[in-house]
All heavy atoms as atom14 arrays in JSON, in Angstrom:
{
  "sequence": "NTRVVVSGGNKVLDAVDNAPALVIATPGAEPTVKDGAYGAALLLDAGA",
  "atom14_mask": [
    [1, 1, 1, 1, 1, 1, 1, 1, 0, 0, 0, 0, 0, 0],
    [1, 1, 1, 1, 1, 1, 1, 0, 0, 0, 0, 0, 0, 0],
    [1, 1, 1, 1, 1, 1, 1, 1, 1, 1, 1, 0, 0, 0],
    [1, 1, 1, 1, 1, 1, 1, 0, 0, 0, 0, 0, 0, 0],
    [1, 1, 1, 1, 1, 1, 1, 0, 0, 0, 0, 0, 0, 0],
    [1, 1, 1, 1, 1, 1, 1, 0, 0, 0, 0, 0, 0, 0],
    [1, 1, 1, 1, 1, 1, 0, 0, 0, 0, 0, 0, 0, 0],
    [1, 1, 1, 1, 0, 0, 0, 0, 0, 0, 0, 0, 0, 0],
    [1, 1, 1, 1, 0, 0, 0, 0, 0, 0, 0, 0, 0, 0],
    [1, 1, 1, 1, 1, 1, 1, 1, 0, 0, 0, 0, 0, 0],
    [1, 1, 1, 1, 1, 1, 1, 1, 1, 0, 0, 0, 0, 0],
    [1, 1, 1, 1, 1, 1, 1, 0, 0, 0, 0, 0, 0, 0],
    [1, 1, 1, 1, 1, 1, 1, 1, 0, 0, 0, 0, 0, 0],
    [1, 1, 1, 1, 1, 1, 1, 1, 0, 0, 0, 0, 0, 0],
    [1, 1, 1, 1, 1, 0, 0, 0, 0, 0, 0, 0, 0, 0],
    [1, 1, 1, 1, 1, 1, 1, 0, 0, 0, 0, 0, 0, 0],
    [1, 1, 1, 1, 1, 1, 1, 1, 0, 0, 0, 0, 0, 0],
    [1, 1, 1, 1, 1, 1, 1, 1, 0, 0, 0, 0, 0, 0],
    [1, 1, 1, 1, 1, 0, 0, 0, 0, 0, 0, 0, 0, 0],
    [1, 1, 1, 1, 1, 1, 1, 0, 0, 0, 0, 0, 0, 0],
    [1, 1, 1, 1, 1, 0, 0, 0, 0, 0, 0, 0, 0, 0],
    [1, 1, 1, 1, 1, 1, 1, 1, 0, 0, 0, 0, 0, 0],
    [1, 1, 1, 1, 1, 1, 1, 0, 0, 0, 0, 0, 0, 0],
    [1, 1, 1, 1, 1, 1, 1, 1, 0, 0, 0, 0, 0, 0],
    [1, 1, 1, 1, 1, 0, 0, 0, 0, 0, 0, 0, 0, 0],
    [1, 1, 1, 1, 1, 1, 1, 0, 0, 0, 0, 0, 0, 0],
    [1, 1, 1, 1, 1, 1, 1, 0, 0, 0, 0, 0, 0, 0],
    [1, 1, 1, 1, 0, 0, 0, 0, 0, 0, 0, 0, 0, 0],
    [1, 1, 1, 1, 1, 0, 0, 0, 0, 0, 0, 0, 0, 0],
    [1, 1, 1, 1, 1, 1, 1, 1, 1, 0, 0, 0, 0, 0],
    [1, 1, 1, 1, 1, 1, 1, 0, 0, 0, 0, 0, 0, 0],
    [1, 1, 1, 1, 1, 1, 1, 0, 0, 0, 0, 0, 0, 0],
    [1, 1, 1, 1, 1, 1, 1, 0, 0, 0, 0, 0, 0, 0],
    [1, 1, 1, 1, 1, 1, 1, 1, 1, 0, 0, 0, 0, 0],
    [1, 1, 1, 1, 1, 1, 1, 1, 0, 0, 0, 0, 0, 0],
    [1, 1, 1, 1, 0, 0, 0, 0, 0, 0, 0, 0, 0, 0],
    [1, 1, 1, 1, 1, 0, 0, 0, 0, 0, 0, 0, 0, 0],
    [1, 1, 1, 1, 1, 1, 1, 1, 1, 1, 1, 1, 0, 0],
    [1, 1, 1, 1, 0, 0, 0, 0, 0, 0, 0, 0, 0, 0],
    [1, 1, 1, 1, 1, 0, 0, 0, 0, 0, 0, 0, 0, 0],
    [1, 1, 1, 1, 1, 0, 0, 0, 0, 0, 0, 0, 0, 0],
    [1, 1, 1, 1, 1, 1, 1, 1, 0, 0, 0, 0, 0, 0],
    [1, 1, 1, 1, 1, 1, 1, 1, 0, 0, 0, 0, 0, 0],
    [1, 1, 1, 1, 1, 1, 1, 1, 0, 0, 0, 0, 0, 0],
    [1, 1, 1, 1, 1, 1, 1, 1, 0, 0, 0, 0, 0, 0],
    [1, 1, 1, 1, 1, 0, 0, 0, 0, 0, 0, 0, 0, 0],
    [1, 1, 1, 1, 0, 0, 0, 0, 0, 0, 0, 0, 0, 0],
    [1, 1, 1, 1, 1, 0, 0, 0, 0, 0, 0, 0, 0, 0]
  ],
  "atom14_positions": [
    [[-5.07, 12.78, -9.82], [-6.43, 12.26, -9.85], [-6.53, 10.84, -9.31], [-7.5, 10.12, -9.65], [-6.99, 12.33, -11.27], [-7.08, 13.76, -11.77], [-7.5, 14.66, -11.05], [-6.7, 13.98, -13.03], [0.0, 0.0, 0.0], [0.0, 0.0, 0.0], [0.0, 0.0, 0.0], [0.0, 0.0, 0.0], [0.0, 0.0, 0.0], [0.0, 0.0, 0.0]],
    [[-5.57, 10.44, -8.52], [-5.52, 9.07, -7.99], [-5.73, 9.06, -6.5], [-5.19, 9.88, -5.78], [-4.15, 8.41, -8.35], [-3.96, 8.47, -9.75], [-4.14, 6.98, -7.89], [0.0, 0.0, 0.0], [0.0, 0.0, 0.0], [0.0, 0.0, 0.0], [0.0, 0.0, 0.0], [0.0, 0.0, 0.0], [0.0, 0.0, 0.0], [0.0, 0.0, 0.0]],
    [[-6.53, 8.12, -6.04], [-6.78, 7.94, -4.61], [-5.48, 7.54, -3.9], [-4.76, 6.65, -4.36], [-7.86, 6.89, -4.39], [-8.21, 6.6, -2.93], [-9.44, 5.74, -2.9], [-9.73, 5.24, -1.53], [-9.51, 4.02, -1.15], [-9.1, 3.08, -2.01], [-9.81, 3.63, 0.09], [0.0, 0.0, 0.0], [0.0, 0.0, 0.0], [0.0, 0.0, 0.0]],
    [[-5.19, 8.15, -2.76], [-4.0, 7.83, -1.97], [-4.43, 7.26, -0.65], [-5.24, 7.81, 0.07], [-3.13, 9.11, -1.73], [-1.92, 8.74, -0.92], [-2.69, 9.7, -3.08], [0.0, 0.0, 0.0], [0.0, 0.0, 0.0], [0.0, 0.0, 0.0], [0.0, 0.0, 0.0], [0.0, 0.0, 0.0], [0.0, 0.0, 0.0], [0.0, 0.0, 0.0]],
    [[-3.86, 6.08, -0.29], [-4.16, 5.36, 0.94], [-2.89, 5.21, 1.72], [-1.86, 4.84, 1.14], [-4.8, 3.97, 0.64], [-5.1, 3.23, 1.91], [-6.06, 4.11, -0.21], [0.0, 0.0, 0.0], [0.0, 0.0, 0.0], [0.0, 0.0, 0.0], [0.0, 0.0, 0.0], [0.0, 0.0, 0.0], [0.0, 0.0, 0.0], [0.0, 0.0, 0.0]],
    [[-2.94, 5.43, 3.04], [-1.77, 5.31, 3.91], [-2.0, 4.2, 4.9], [-3.06, 4.13, 5.57], [-1.45, 6.65, 4.63], [-0.28, 6.49, 5.55], [-1.22, 7.76, 3.65], [0.0, 0.0, 0.0], [0.0, 0.0, 0.0], [0.0, 0.0, 0.0], [0.0, 0.0, 0.0], [0.0, 0.0, 0.0], [0.0, 0.0, 0.0], [0.0, 0.0, 0.0]],
    [[-1.0, 3.31, 5.05], [-1.11, 2.21, 6.03], [0.2, 2.17, 6.81], [1.32, 2.09, 6.25], [-1.27, 0.87, 5.28], [-1.29, -0.21, 6.21], [0.0, 0.0, 0.0], [0.0, 0.0, 0.0], [0.0, 0.0, 0.0], [0.0, 0.0, 0.0], [0.0, 0.0, 0.0], [0.0, 0.0, 0.0], [0.0, 0.0, 0.0], [0.0, 0.0, 0.0]],
    [[0.08, 2.3, 8.14], [1.27, 2.3, 8.98], [0.98, 2.93, 10.32], [-0.02, 3.59, 10.49], [0.0, 0.0, 0.0], [0.0, 0.0, 0.0], [0.0, 0.0, 0.0], [0.0, 0.0, 0.0], [0.0, 0.0, 0.0], [0.0, 0.0, 0.0], [0.0, 0.0, 0.0], [0.0, 0.0, 0.0], [0.0, 0.0, 0.0], [0.0, 0.0, 0.0]],
    [[1.86, 2.75, 11.26], [1.69, 3.35, 12.6], [0.46, 2.77, 13.27], [0.34, 1.54, 13.41], [0.0, 0.0, 0.0], [0.0, 0.0, 0.0], [0.0, 0.0, 0.0], [0.0, 0.0, 0.0], [0.0, 0.0, 0.0], [0.0, 0.0, 0.0], [0.0, 0.0, 0.0], [0.0, 0.0, 0.0], [0.0, 0.0, 0.0], [0.0, 0.0, 0.0]],
    [[-0.44, 3.62, 13.7], [-1.65, 3.19, 14.42], [-2.76, 2.8, 13.49], [-3.81, 2.36, 13.93], [-2.14, 4.3, 15.37], [-1.16, 4.57, 16.49], [-0.45, 3.68, 16.92], [-1.08, 5.8, 16.9], [0.0, 0.0, 0.0], [0.0, 0.0, 0.0], [0.0, 0.0, 0.0], [0.0, 0.0, 0.0], [0.0, 0.0, 0.0], [0.0, 0.0, 0.0]],
    [[-2.55, 3.0, 12.19], [-3.59, 2.66, 11.2], [-3.0, 1.71, 10.17], [-2.49, 2.15, 9.16], [-4.12, 3.94, 10.57], [-5.28, 3.7, 9.63], [-5.71, 4.99, 8.94], [-6.84, 4.75, 7.92], [-7.22, 5.99, 7.23], [0.0, 0.0, 0.0], [0.0, 0.0, 0.0], [0.0, 0.0, 0.0], [0.0, 0.0, 0.0], [0.0, 0.0, 0.0]],
    [[-3.11, 0.45, 10.42], [-2.59, -0.58, 9.51], [-3.78, -1.23, 8.82], [-4.68, -1.77, 9.49], [-1.73, -1.62, 10.25], [-1.28, -2.7, 9.29], [-0.52, -0.96, 10.88], [0.0, 0.0, 0.0], [0.0, 0.0, 0.0], [0.0, 0.0, 0.0], [0.0, 0.0, 0.0], [0.0, 0.0, 0.0], [0.0, 0.0, 0.0], [0.0, 0.0, 0.0]],
    [[-3.82, -1.2, 7.53], [-4.91, -1.78, 6.77], [-4.6, -3.26, 6.46], [-3.47, -3.62, 6.15], [-5.1, -1.02, 5.45], [-5.35, 0.48, 5.55], [-5.47, 1.12, 4.21], [-6.6, 0.77, 6.39], [0.0, 0.0, 0.0], [0.0, 0.0, 0.0], [0.0, 0.0, 0.0], [0.0, 0.0, 0.0], [0.0, 0.0, 0.0], [0.0, 0.0, 0.0]],
    [[-5.6, -4.09, 6.52], [-5.46, -5.51, 6.18], [-5.48, -5.72, 4.69], [-4.71, -6.56, 4.15], [-6.57, -6.32, 6.82], [-6.44, -6.39, 8.33], [-5.29, -6.31, 8.83], [-7.47, -6.47, 9.04], [0.0, 0.0, 0.0], [0.0, 0.0, 0.0], [0.0, 0.0, 0.0], [0.0, 0.0, 0.0], [0.0, 0.0, 0.0], [0.0, 0.0, 0.0]],
    [[-6.34, -4.99, 4.0], [-6.49, -5.2, 2.55], [-7.03, -3.93, 1.9], [-7.64, -3.07, 2.56], [-7.44, -6.37, 2.26], [0.0, 0.0, 0.0], [0.0, 0.0, 0.0], [0.0, 0.0, 0.0], [0.0, 0.0, 0.0], [0.0, 0.0, 0.0], [0.0, 0.0, 0.0], [0.0, 0.0, 0.0], [0.0, 0.0, 0.0], [0.0, 0.0, 0.0]],
    [[-6.75, -3.79, 0.62], [-7.31, -2.71, -0.18], [-8.04, -3.3, -1.38], [-7.81, -4.43, -1.79], [-6.2, -1.72, -0.66], [-5.59, -1.02, 0.52], [-5.14, -2.46, -1.47], [0.0, 0.0, 0.0], [0.0, 0.0, 0.0], [0.0, 0.0, 0.0], [0.0, 0.0, 0.0], [0.0, 0.0, 0.0], [0.0, 0.0, 0.0], [0.0, 0.0, 0.0]],
    [[-8.92, -2.51, -1.97], [-9.68, -2.97, -3.14], [-8.77, -3.08, -4.34], [-7.78, -2.35, -4.48], [-10.83, -1.99, -3.45], [-11.89, -2.01, -2.36], [-12.06, -3.05, -1.74], [-12.49, -0.94, -2.13], [0.0, 0.0, 0.0], [0.0, 0.0, 0.0], [0.0, 0.0, 0.0], [0.0, 0.0, 0.0], [0.0, 0.0, 0.0], [0.0, 0.0, 0.0]],
    [[-9.12, -4.0, -5.23], [-8.38, -4.16, -6.49], [-8.85, -3.11, -7.47], [-9.57, -3.36, -8.4], [-8.62, -5.58, -7.03], [-7.65, -5.88, -8.15], [-6.74, -5.15, -8.47], [-7.85, -7.04, -8.79], [0.0, 0.0, 0.0], [0.0, 0.0, 0.0], [0.0, 0.0, 0.0], [0.0, 0.0, 0.0], [0.0, 0.0, 0.0], [0.0, 0.0, 0.0]],
    [[-8.43, -1.86, -7.24], [-8.81, -0.71, -8.02], [-7.66, 0.3, -8.01], [-6.77, 0.24, -7.14], [-10.08, -0.1, -7.45], [0.0, 0.0, 0.0], [0.0, 0.0, 0.0], [0.0, 0.0, 0.0], [0.0, 0.0, 0.0], [0.0, 0.0, 0.0], [0.0, 0.0, 0.0], [0.0, 0.0, 0.0], [0.0, 0.0, 0.0], [0.0, 0.0, 0.0]],
    [[-7.62, 1.24, -8.96], [-6.51, 2.16, -9.02], [-6.38, 2.97, -7.72], [-7.33, 3.57, -7.22], [-6.92, 3.1, -10.19], [-7.84, 2.3, -11.04], [-8.57, 1.43, -10.07], [0.0, 0.0, 0.0], [0.0, 0.0, 0.0], [0.0, 0.0, 0.0], [0.0, 0.0, 0.0], [0.0, 0.0, 0.0], [0.0, 0.0, 0.0], [0.0, 0.0, 0.0]],
    [[-5.17, 2.94, -7.15], [-4.87, 3.69, -5.91], [-3.4, 3.64, -5.65], [-2.7, 2.75, -6.1], [-5.63, 3.08, -4.7], [0.0, 0.0, 0.0], [0.0, 0.0, 0.0], [0.0, 0.0, 0.0], [0.0, 0.0, 0.0], [0.0, 0.0, 0.0], [0.0, 0.0, 0.0], [0.0, 0.0, 0.0], [0.0, 0.0, 0.0], [0.0, 0.0, 0.0]],
    [[-2.89, 4.65, -4.95], [-1.52, 4.67, -4.48], [-1.58, 4.28, -3.01], [-2.17, 4.99, -2.19], [-0.9, 6.05, -4.64], [-0.61, 6.51, -6.1], [-0.32, 7.98, -6.14], [0.53, 5.73, -6.7], [0.0, 0.0, 0.0], [0.0, 0.0, 0.0], [0.0, 0.0, 0.0], [0.0, 0.0, 0.0], [0.0, 0.0, 0.0], [0.0, 0.0, 0.0]],
    [[-0.93, 3.17, -2.66], [-0.97, 2.67, -1.27], [0.42, 2.96, -0.66], [1.4, 2.3, -1.03], [-1.33, 1.19, -1.22], [-1.32, 0.7, 0.22], [-2.63, 0.91, -1.92], [0.0, 0.0, 0.0], [0.0, 0.0, 0.0], [0.0, 0.0, 0.0], [0.0, 0.0, 0.0], [0.0, 0.0, 0.0], [0.0, 0.0, 0.0], [0.0, 0.0, 0.0]],
    [[0.47, 3.91, 0.25], [1.72, 4.27, 0.93], [1.81, 3.47, 2.23], [0.94, 3.64, 3.1], [1.79, 5.78, 1.2], [1.27, 6.6, 0.02], [3.17, 6.18, 1.62], [2.07, 6.43, -1.24], [0.0, 0.0, 0.0], [0.0, 0.0, 0.0], [0.0, 0.0, 0.0], [0.0, 0.0, 0.0], [0.0, 0.0, 0.0], [0.0, 0.0, 0.0]],
    [[2.8, 2.65, 2.38], [2.87, 1.77, 3.56], [4.3, 1.7, 4.09], [5.25, 1.71, 3.31], [2.38, 0.37, 3.18], [0.0, 0.0, 0.0], [0.0, 0.0, 0.0], [0.0, 0.0, 0.0], [0.0, 0.0, 0.0], [0.0, 0.0, 0.0], [0.0, 0.0, 0.0], [0.0, 0.0, 0.0], [0.0, 0.0, 0.0], [0.0, 0.0, 0.0]],
    [[4.41, 1.54, 5.39], [5.68, 1.26, 6.02], [5.94, -0.25, 6.01], [4.97, -1.03, 5.84], [5.68, 1.78, 7.48], [4.54, 1.26, 8.15], [5.66, 3.28, 7.52], [0.0, 0.0, 0.0], [0.0, 0.0, 0.0], [0.0, 0.0, 0.0], [0.0, 0.0, 0.0], [0.0, 0.0, 0.0], [0.0, 0.0, 0.0], [0.0, 0.0, 0.0]],
    [[7.19, -0.68, 6.12], [7.47, -2.14, 6.07], [6.68, -2.9, 7.1], [6.63, -2.55, 8.31], [8.98, -2.19, 6.35], [9.51, -0.89, 5.88], [8.45, 0.11, 6.2], [0.0, 0.0, 0.0], [0.0, 0.0, 0.0], [0.0, 0.0, 0.0], [0.0, 0.0, 0.0], [0.0, 0.0, 0.0], [0.0, 0.0, 0.0], [0.0, 0.0, 0.0]],
    [[6.03, -3.98, 6.67], [5.22, -4.79, 7.56], [3.78, -4.41, 7.58], [2.94, -5.19, 8.06], [0.0, 0.0, 0.0], [0.0, 0.0, 0.0], [0.0, 0.0, 0.0], [0.0, 0.0, 0.0], [0.0, 0.0, 0.0], [0.0, 0.0, 0.0], [0.0, 0.0, 0.0], [0.0, 0.0, 0.0], [0.0, 0.0, 0.0], [0.0, 0.0, 0.0]],
    [[3.47, -3.19, 7.1], [2.08, -2.7, 7.13], [1.48, -2.73, 5.75], [0.38, -2.12, 5.54], [2.03, -1.29, 7.68], [0.0, 0.0, 0.0], [0.0, 0.0, 0.0], [0.0, 0.0, 0.0], [0.0, 0.0, 0.0], [0.0, 0.0, 0.0], [0.0, 0.0, 0.0], [0.0, 0.0, 0.0], [0.0, 0.0, 0.0], [0.0, 0.0, 0.0]],
    [[2.09, -3.41, 4.8], [1.57, -3.44, 3.42], [0.26, -4.27, 3.39], [0.29, -5.47, 3.7], [2.57, -4.06, 2.44], [3.9, -3.33, 2.38], [4.93, -3.88, 3.37], [4.54, -4.67, 4.24], [6.11, -3.52, 3.21], [0.0, 0.0, 0.0], [0.0, 0.0, 0.0], [0.0, 0.0, 0.0], [0.0, 0.0, 0.0], [0.0, 0.0, 0.0]],
    [[-0.84, -3.65, 3.02], [-2.08, -4.45, 2.93], [-2.08, -5.33, 1.67], [-1.41, -5.03, 0.68], [-3.18, -3.37, 2.82], [-2.5, -2.16, 2.29], [-1.06, -2.25, 2.73], [0.0, 0.0, 0.0], [0.0, 0.0, 0.0], [0.0, 0.0, 0.0], [0.0, 0.0, 0.0], [0.0, 0.0, 0.0], [0.0, 0.0, 0.0], [0.0, 0.0, 0.0]],
    [[-2.79, -6.43, 1.74], [-2.98, -7.28, 0.53], [-4.02, -6.64, -0.34], [-4.77, -5.75, 0.04], [-3.38, -8.69, 0.96], [-4.6, -8.61, 1.71], [-2.31, -9.35, 1.79], [0.0, 0.0, 0.0], [0.0, 0.0, 0.0], [0.0, 0.0, 0.0], [0.0, 0.0, 0.0], [0.0, 0.0, 0.0], [0.0, 0.0, 0.0], [0.0, 0.0, 0.0]],
    [[-4.13, -7.13, -1.55], [-5.11, -6.67, -2.5], [-6.21, -7.72, -2.59], [-5.97, -8.89, -2.84], [-4.48, -6.44, -3.9], [-5.55, -5.96, -4.89], [-3.38, -5.41, -3.81], [0.0, 0.0, 0.0], [0.0, 0.0, 0.0], [0.0, 0.0, 0.0], [0.0, 0.0, 0.0], [0.0, 0.0, 0.0], [0.0, 0.0, 0.0], [0.0, 0.0, 0.0]],
    [[-7.46, -7.29, -2.38], [-8.6, -8.23, -2.42], [-8.74, -8.82, -3.83], [-8.87, -8.07, -4.8], [-9.86, -7.51, -2.02], [-9.86, -6.96, -0.59], [-11.12, -6.16, -0.3], [-11.09, -5.55, 1.08], [-12.28, -4.66, 1.33], [0.0, 0.0, 0.0], [0.0, 0.0, 0.0], [0.0, 0.0, 0.0], [0.0, 0.0, 0.0], [0.0, 0.0, 0.0]],
    [[-8.68, -10.12, -3.89], [-8.86, -10.85, -5.18], [-7.94, -10.35, -6.27], [-8.31, -10.17, -7.42], [-10.32, -10.68, -5.67], [-11.31, -11.22, -4.65], [-11.03, -12.25, -4.06], [-12.33, -10.55, -4.43], [0.0, 0.0, 0.0], [0.0, 0.0, 0.0], [0.0, 0.0, 0.0], [0.0, 0.0, 0.0], [0.0, 0.0, 0.0], [0.0, 0.0, 0.0]],
    [[-6.7, -10.04, -5.91], [-5.76, -9.58, -6.9], [-4.39, -9.32, -6.3], [-4.01, -9.85, -5.25], [0.0, 0.0, 0.0], [0.0, 0.0, 0.0], [0.0, 0.0, 0.0], [0.0, 0.0, 0.0], [0.0, 0.0, 0.0], [0.0, 0.0, 0.0], [0.0, 0.0, 0.0], [0.0, 0.0, 0.0], [0.0, 0.0, 0.0], [0.0, 0.0, 0.0]],
    [[-3.6, -8.48, -7.0], [-2.24, -8.13, -6.53], [-1.95, -6.73, -7.03], [-2.65, -6.14, -7.88], [-1.2, -9.14, -7.08], [0.0, 0.0, 0.0], [0.0, 0.0, 0.0], [0.0, 0.0, 0.0], [0.0, 0.0, 0.0], [0.0, 0.0, 0.0], [0.0, 0.0, 0.0], [0.0, 0.0, 0.0], [0.0, 0.0, 0.0], [0.0, 0.0, 0.0]],
    [[-0.89, -6.15, -6.51], [-0.47, -4.82, -6.97], [0.09, -4.9, -8.39], [0.74, -5.88, -8.76], [0.61, -4.27, -6.02], [0.11, -3.88, -4.65], [0.3, -4.75, -3.58], [-0.59, -2.7, -4.43], [-0.19, -4.44, -2.31], [-1.05, -2.39, -3.17], [-0.84, -3.25, -2.12], [-1.33, -2.94, -0.88], [0.0, 0.0, 0.0], [0.0, 0.0, 0.0]],
    [[-0.15, -3.81, -9.13], [0.41, -3.79, -10.49], [1.88, -3.36, -10.48], [2.61, -3.7, -11.41], [0.0, 0.0, 0.0], [0.0, 0.0, 0.0], [0.0, 0.0, 0.0], [0.0, 0.0, 0.0], [0.0, 0.0, 0.0], [0.0, 0.0, 0.0], [0.0, 0.0, 0.0], [0.0, 0.0, 0.0], [0.0, 0.0, 0.0], [0.0, 0.0, 0.0]],
    [[2.28, -2.64, -9.43], [3.68, -2.21, -9.32], [3.93, -1.89, -7.88], [3.07, -1.64, -7.06], [3.93, -0.98, -10.19], [0.0, 0.0, 0.0], [0.0, 0.0, 0.0], [0.0, 0.0, 0.0], [0.0, 0.0, 0.0], [0.0, 0.0, 0.0], [0.0, 0.0, 0.0], [0.0, 0.0, 0.0], [0.0, 0.0, 0.0], [0.0, 0.0, 0.0]],
    [[5.23, -1.88, -7.54], [5.67, -1.5, -6.2], [6.89, -0.6, -6.34], [7.81, -0.89, -7.12], [6.03, -2.7, -5.35], [0.0, 0.0, 0.0], [0.0, 0.0, 0.0], [0.0, 0.0, 0.0], [0.0, 0.0, 0.0], [0.0, 0.0, 0.0], [0.0, 0.0, 0.0], [0.0, 0.0, 0.0], [0.0, 0.0, 0.0], [0.0, 0.0, 0.0]],
    [[6.9, 0.5, -5.63], [8.02, 1.43, -5.58], [8.63, 1.37, -4.18], [7.94, 1.67, -3.2], [7.58, 2.88, -5.9], [6.63, 3.08, -7.09], [6.3, 4.56, -7.29], [7.24, 2.49, -8.36], [0.0, 0.0, 0.0], [0.0, 0.0, 0.0], [0.0, 0.0, 0.0], [0.0, 0.0, 0.0], [0.0, 0.0, 0.0], [0.0, 0.0, 0.0]],
    [[9.86, 0.93, -4.08], [10.53, 0.75, -2.81], [11.48, 1.93, -2.6], [12.58, 1.96, -3.22], [11.26, -0.58, -2.75], [10.43, -1.8, -3.19], [11.29, -3.1, -3.06], [9.15, -1.92, -2.38], [0.0, 0.0, 0.0], [0.0, 0.0, 0.0], [0.0, 0.0, 0.0], [0.0, 0.0, 0.0], [0.0, 0.0, 0.0], [0.0, 0.0, 0.0]],
    [[11.09, 2.86, -1.74], [11.82, 4.12, -1.6], [12.89, 4.04, -0.49], [12.82, 3.23, 0.41], [10.85, 5.26, -1.29], [9.71, 5.51, -2.27], [8.92, 6.72, -1.87], [10.21, 5.61, -3.71], [0.0, 0.0, 0.0], [0.0, 0.0, 0.0], [0.0, 0.0, 0.0], [0.0, 0.0, 0.0], [0.0, 0.0, 0.0], [0.0, 0.0, 0.0]],
    [[13.82, 5.02, -0.57], [14.79, 5.28, 0.51], [15.49, 4.02, 0.97], [15.53, 3.74, 2.19], [14.11, 5.97, 1.67], [13.67, 7.4, 1.31], [14.45, 8.1, 0.66], [12.55, 7.78, 1.68], [0.0, 0.0, 0.0], [0.0, 0.0, 0.0], [0.0, 0.0, 0.0], [0.0, 0.0, 0.0], [0.0, 0.0, 0.0], [0.0, 0.0, 0.0]],
    [[16.06, 3.28, 0.07], [16.8, 2.04, 0.46], [17.94, 2.39, 1.4], [18.24, 1.6, 2.3], [17.33, 1.35, -0.78], [0.0, 0.0, 0.0], [0.0, 0.0, 0.0], [0.0, 0.0, 0.0], [0.0, 0.0, 0.0], [0.0, 0.0, 0.0], [0.0, 0.0, 0.0], [0.0, 0.0, 0.0], [0.0, 0.0, 0.0], [0.0, 0.0, 0.0]],
    [[18.58, 3.56, 1.18], [19.69, 3.95, 2.06], [19.3, 4.05, 3.52], [20.08, 3.73, 4.42], [0.0, 0.0, 0.0], [0.0, 0.0, 0.0], [0.0, 0.0, 0.0], [0.0, 0.0, 0.0], [0.0, 0.0, 0.0], [0.0, 0.0, 0.0], [0.0, 0.0, 0.0], [0.0, 0.0, 0.0], [0.0, 0.0, 0.0], [0.0, 0.0, 0.0]],
    [[18.06, 4.51, 3.78], [17.62, 4.65, 5.17], [17.52, 3.28, 5.86], [17.73, 3.19, 7.1], [16.25, 5.33, 5.22], [0.0, 0.0, 0.0], [0.0, 0.0, 0.0], [0.0, 0.0, 0.0], [0.0, 0.0, 0.0], [0.0, 0.0, 0.0], [0.0, 0.0, 0.0], [0.0, 0.0, 0.0], [0.0, 0.0, 0.0], [0.0, 0.0, 0.0]]
  ]
}
């Protein structure tokens, strides 16, 4: 029941709202949070 947002490739977001959402981003394409910060970050596939 959570909104999923993707940032990367040809679609890089500058910022996302400070509201519940899963923001999937490639390195360098992480959007900032408007008037806030992320509550958590999951850094996947370190081996890659």
